[in-house]
Amino acid sequence: MWEQYKSDLYWASKAVFGVACPVCRGVMTFVQVEPHPNGSGSELHTLKCQACGPTESRTVDPRVAAW
């Protein structure tokens, strides 16, 4: 089940963010989703490059991102 969820998150990230690695321009994929530390109801989405490894975090409000 987790693999399917990660796959869904991968395609959602491509649709929402269109994220490419800032170093090698490779594909960034989701590695973690967690609540934002400020308690605002937002989430921190952490992405990692499959090729060279840097990570990047983005703040997402799921109430706005979901249609």
N, C-alpha and C. Protein backbone atom coordinates (compact mmCIF):
# COMPACT_ATOMS: atom_id res chain seq x y z
N MET A 1 0.82 -1.20 0.00
CA MET A 1 0.00 0.00 0.00
C MET A 1 0.87 1.26 0.00
N TRP A 2 1.94 1.28 0.81
CA TRP A 2 2.80 2.46 0.86
C TRP A 2 3.42 2.75 -0.50
N GLU A 3 3.81 1.69 -1.24
CA GLU A 3 4.42 1.90 -2.55
C GLU A 3 3.42 2.57 -3.50
N GLN A 4 2.16 2.18 -3.44
CA GLN A 4 1.15 2.82 -4.28
C GLN A 4 0.97 4.27 -3.88
N TYR A 5 0.98 4.54 -2.56
CA TYR A 5 0.84 5.90 -2.07
C TYR A 5 2.00 6.76 -2.54
N LYS A 6 3.24 6.21 -2.46
CA LYS A 6 4.41 6.95 -2.93
C LYS A 6 4.32 7.20 -4.43
N SER A 7 3.81 6.22 -5.18
CA SER A 7 3.65 6.40 -6.62
C SER A 7 2.65 7.51 -6.91
N ASP A 8 1.53 7.51 -6.19
CA ASP A 8 0.53 8.56 -6.36
C ASP A 8 1.13 9.92 -6.01
N LEU A 9 1.92 9.97 -4.94
CA LEU A 9 2.57 11.23 -4.56
C LEU A 9 3.56 11.69 -5.63
N TYR A 10 4.26 10.74 -6.24
CA TYR A 10 5.21 11.09 -7.29
C TYR A 10 4.48 11.80 -8.43
N TRP A 11 3.41 11.21 -8.91
CA TRP A 11 2.70 11.81 -10.04
C TRP A 11 2.01 13.11 -9.63
N ALA A 12 1.55 13.19 -8.39
CA ALA A 12 0.97 14.44 -7.91
C ALA A 12 2.03 15.53 -7.87
N SER A 13 3.25 15.17 -7.47
CA SER A 13 4.32 16.17 -7.42
C SER A 13 4.64 16.68 -8.80
N LYS A 14 4.63 15.80 -9.79
CA LYS A 14 4.91 16.23 -11.16
C LYS A 14 3.81 17.16 -11.65
N ALA A 15 2.57 16.87 -11.29
CA ALA A 15 1.45 17.71 -11.72
C ALA A 15 1.44 19.04 -11.00
N VAL A 16 1.70 19.03 -9.69
CA VAL A 16 1.61 20.25 -8.89
C VAL A 16 2.88 21.07 -8.97
N PHE A 17 4.03 20.41 -8.79
CA PHE A 17 5.28 21.15 -8.69
C PHE A 17 6.07 21.17 -10.00
N GLY A 18 6.03 20.09 -10.79
CA GLY A 18 6.89 19.99 -11.96
C GLY A 18 8.35 20.10 -11.54
N VAL A 19 8.73 19.38 -10.48
CA VAL A 19 10.02 19.57 -9.83
C VAL A 19 11.15 18.86 -10.56
N ALA A 20 12.21 19.61 -10.82
CA ALA A 20 13.45 19.04 -11.35
C ALA A 20 14.56 19.38 -10.35
N CYS A 21 15.55 18.51 -10.25
CA CYS A 21 16.66 18.72 -9.34
C CYS A 21 17.42 19.99 -9.70
N PRO A 22 17.74 20.83 -8.72
CA PRO A 22 18.48 22.06 -9.01
C PRO A 22 19.94 21.80 -9.39
N VAL A 23 20.45 20.60 -9.11
CA VAL A 23 21.83 20.28 -9.40
C VAL A 23 21.97 19.62 -10.77
N CYS A 24 21.23 18.50 -10.98
CA CYS A 24 21.41 17.73 -12.22
C CYS A 24 20.20 17.77 -13.15
N ARG A 25 19.12 18.43 -12.73
CA ARG A 25 17.86 18.51 -13.49
C ARG A 25 17.15 17.17 -13.61
N GLY A 26 17.52 16.21 -12.72
CA GLY A 26 16.86 14.90 -12.68
C GLY A 26 15.50 14.99 -12.02
N VAL A 27 14.87 13.84 -11.88
CA VAL A 27 13.53 13.76 -11.30
C VAL A 27 13.61 13.80 -9.78
N MET A 28 12.84 14.69 -9.17
CA MET A 28 12.71 14.75 -7.72
C MET A 28 11.46 13.95 -7.35
N THR A 29 11.57 13.06 -6.35
CA THR A 29 10.43 12.26 -5.92
C THR A 29 10.19 12.48 -4.43
N PHE A 30 8.94 12.22 -4.01
CA PHE A 30 8.58 12.36 -2.60
C PHE A 30 9.31 11.34 -1.76
N VAL A 31 9.80 11.78 -0.61
CA VAL A 31 10.36 10.86 0.37
C VAL A 31 9.66 10.99 1.71
N GLN A 32 8.99 12.12 1.94
CA GLN A 32 8.34 12.30 3.25
C GLN A 32 7.28 13.39 3.15
N VAL A 33 6.18 13.15 3.85
CA VAL A 33 5.13 14.16 4.05
C VAL A 33 4.88 14.21 5.54
N GLU A 34 4.96 15.41 6.13
CA GLU A 34 4.75 15.56 7.56
C GLU A 34 4.02 16.86 7.85
N PRO A 35 3.36 16.96 9.00
CA PRO A 35 2.69 18.21 9.35
C PRO A 35 3.70 19.35 9.49
N HIS A 36 3.28 20.54 9.11
CA HIS A 36 4.17 21.70 9.26
C HIS A 36 4.34 22.00 10.74
N PRO A 37 5.57 22.36 11.17
CA PRO A 37 5.81 22.58 12.60
C PRO A 37 5.05 23.77 13.21
N ASN A 38 4.56 24.70 12.40
CA ASN A 38 3.85 25.84 12.96
C ASN A 38 2.40 25.53 13.31
N GLY A 39 1.93 24.31 13.00
CA GLY A 39 0.59 23.90 13.38
C GLY A 39 -0.53 24.56 12.60
N SER A 40 -0.23 25.08 11.43
CA SER A 40 -1.22 25.81 10.63
C SER A 40 -2.14 24.92 9.81
N GLY A 41 -1.91 23.61 9.83
CA GLY A 41 -2.68 22.70 8.99
C GLY A 41 -1.99 22.43 7.67
N SER A 42 -0.87 23.11 7.41
CA SER A 42 -0.09 22.88 6.20
C SER A 42 0.78 21.63 6.38
N GLU A 43 1.33 21.16 5.27
CA GLU A 43 2.22 20.00 5.30
C GLU A 43 3.57 20.37 4.70
N LEU A 44 4.62 19.70 5.16
CA LEU A 44 5.94 19.81 4.56
C LEU A 44 6.13 18.59 3.66
N HIS A 45 6.33 18.83 2.37
CA HIS A 45 6.59 17.76 1.42
C HIS A 45 8.08 17.79 1.10
N THR A 46 8.78 16.71 1.43
CA THR A 46 10.21 16.62 1.18
C THR A 46 10.43 15.76 -0.05
N LEU A 47 11.22 16.28 -0.98
CA LEU A 47 11.53 15.59 -2.22
C LEU A 47 13.03 15.33 -2.29
N LYS A 48 13.41 14.27 -2.99
CA LYS A 48 14.81 13.91 -3.12
C LYS A 48 15.11 13.54 -4.57
N CYS A 49 16.28 13.95 -5.05
CA CYS A 49 16.69 13.61 -6.40
C CYS A 49 17.08 12.14 -6.45
N GLN A 50 16.57 11.42 -7.44
CA GLN A 50 16.89 10.01 -7.59
C GLN A 50 18.33 9.81 -8.07
N ALA A 51 18.87 10.78 -8.79
CA ALA A 51 20.19 10.62 -9.40
C ALA A 51 21.33 11.05 -8.48
N CYS A 52 21.25 12.28 -7.92
CA CYS A 52 22.42 12.80 -7.19
C CYS A 52 22.17 13.04 -5.71
N GLY A 53 20.91 12.98 -5.24
CA GLY A 53 20.64 12.95 -3.82
C GLY A 53 20.24 14.20 -3.05
N PRO A 54 20.31 15.43 -3.57
CA PRO A 54 19.89 16.57 -2.75
C PRO A 54 18.39 16.51 -2.42
N THR A 55 18.03 17.09 -1.29
CA THR A 55 16.62 17.14 -0.90
C THR A 55 16.12 18.58 -0.93
N GLU A 56 14.81 18.70 -1.02
CA GLU A 56 14.15 20.01 -1.05
C GLU A 56 12.81 19.85 -0.35
N SER A 57 12.42 20.82 0.46
CA SER A 57 11.14 20.78 1.15
C SER A 57 10.26 21.92 0.66
N ARG A 58 8.98 21.63 0.55
CA ARG A 58 8.00 22.64 0.14
C ARG A 58 6.84 22.60 1.12
N THR A 59 6.27 23.77 1.39
CA THR A 59 5.09 23.87 2.23
C THR A 59 3.86 23.82 1.33
N VAL A 60 2.93 22.93 1.68
CA VAL A 60 1.72 22.75 0.88
C VAL A 60 0.52 22.81 1.81
N ASP A 61 -0.48 23.56 1.41
CA ASP A 61 -1.74 23.59 2.14
C ASP A 61 -2.68 22.59 1.46
N PRO A 62 -2.93 21.43 2.07
CA PRO A 62 -3.73 20.41 1.41
C PRO A 62 -5.17 20.85 1.13
N ARG A 63 -5.65 21.83 1.86
CA ARG A 63 -7.02 22.32 1.62
C ARG A 63 -7.08 23.08 0.31
N VAL A 64 -5.96 23.66 -0.12
CA VAL A 64 -5.91 24.40 -1.39
C VAL A 64 -5.52 23.46 -2.52
N ALA A 65 -4.59 22.51 -2.26
CA ALA A 65 -4.07 21.62 -3.29
C ALA A 65 -5.11 20.61 -3.74
N ALA A 66 -6.03 20.19 -2.85
CA ALA A 66 -7.06 19.21 -3.21
C ALA A 66 -8.22 19.91 -3.92
N TRP A 67 -8.72 19.29 -4.98
CA TRP A 67 -9.84 19.91 -5.69
C TRP A 67 -11.05 19.11 -5.44
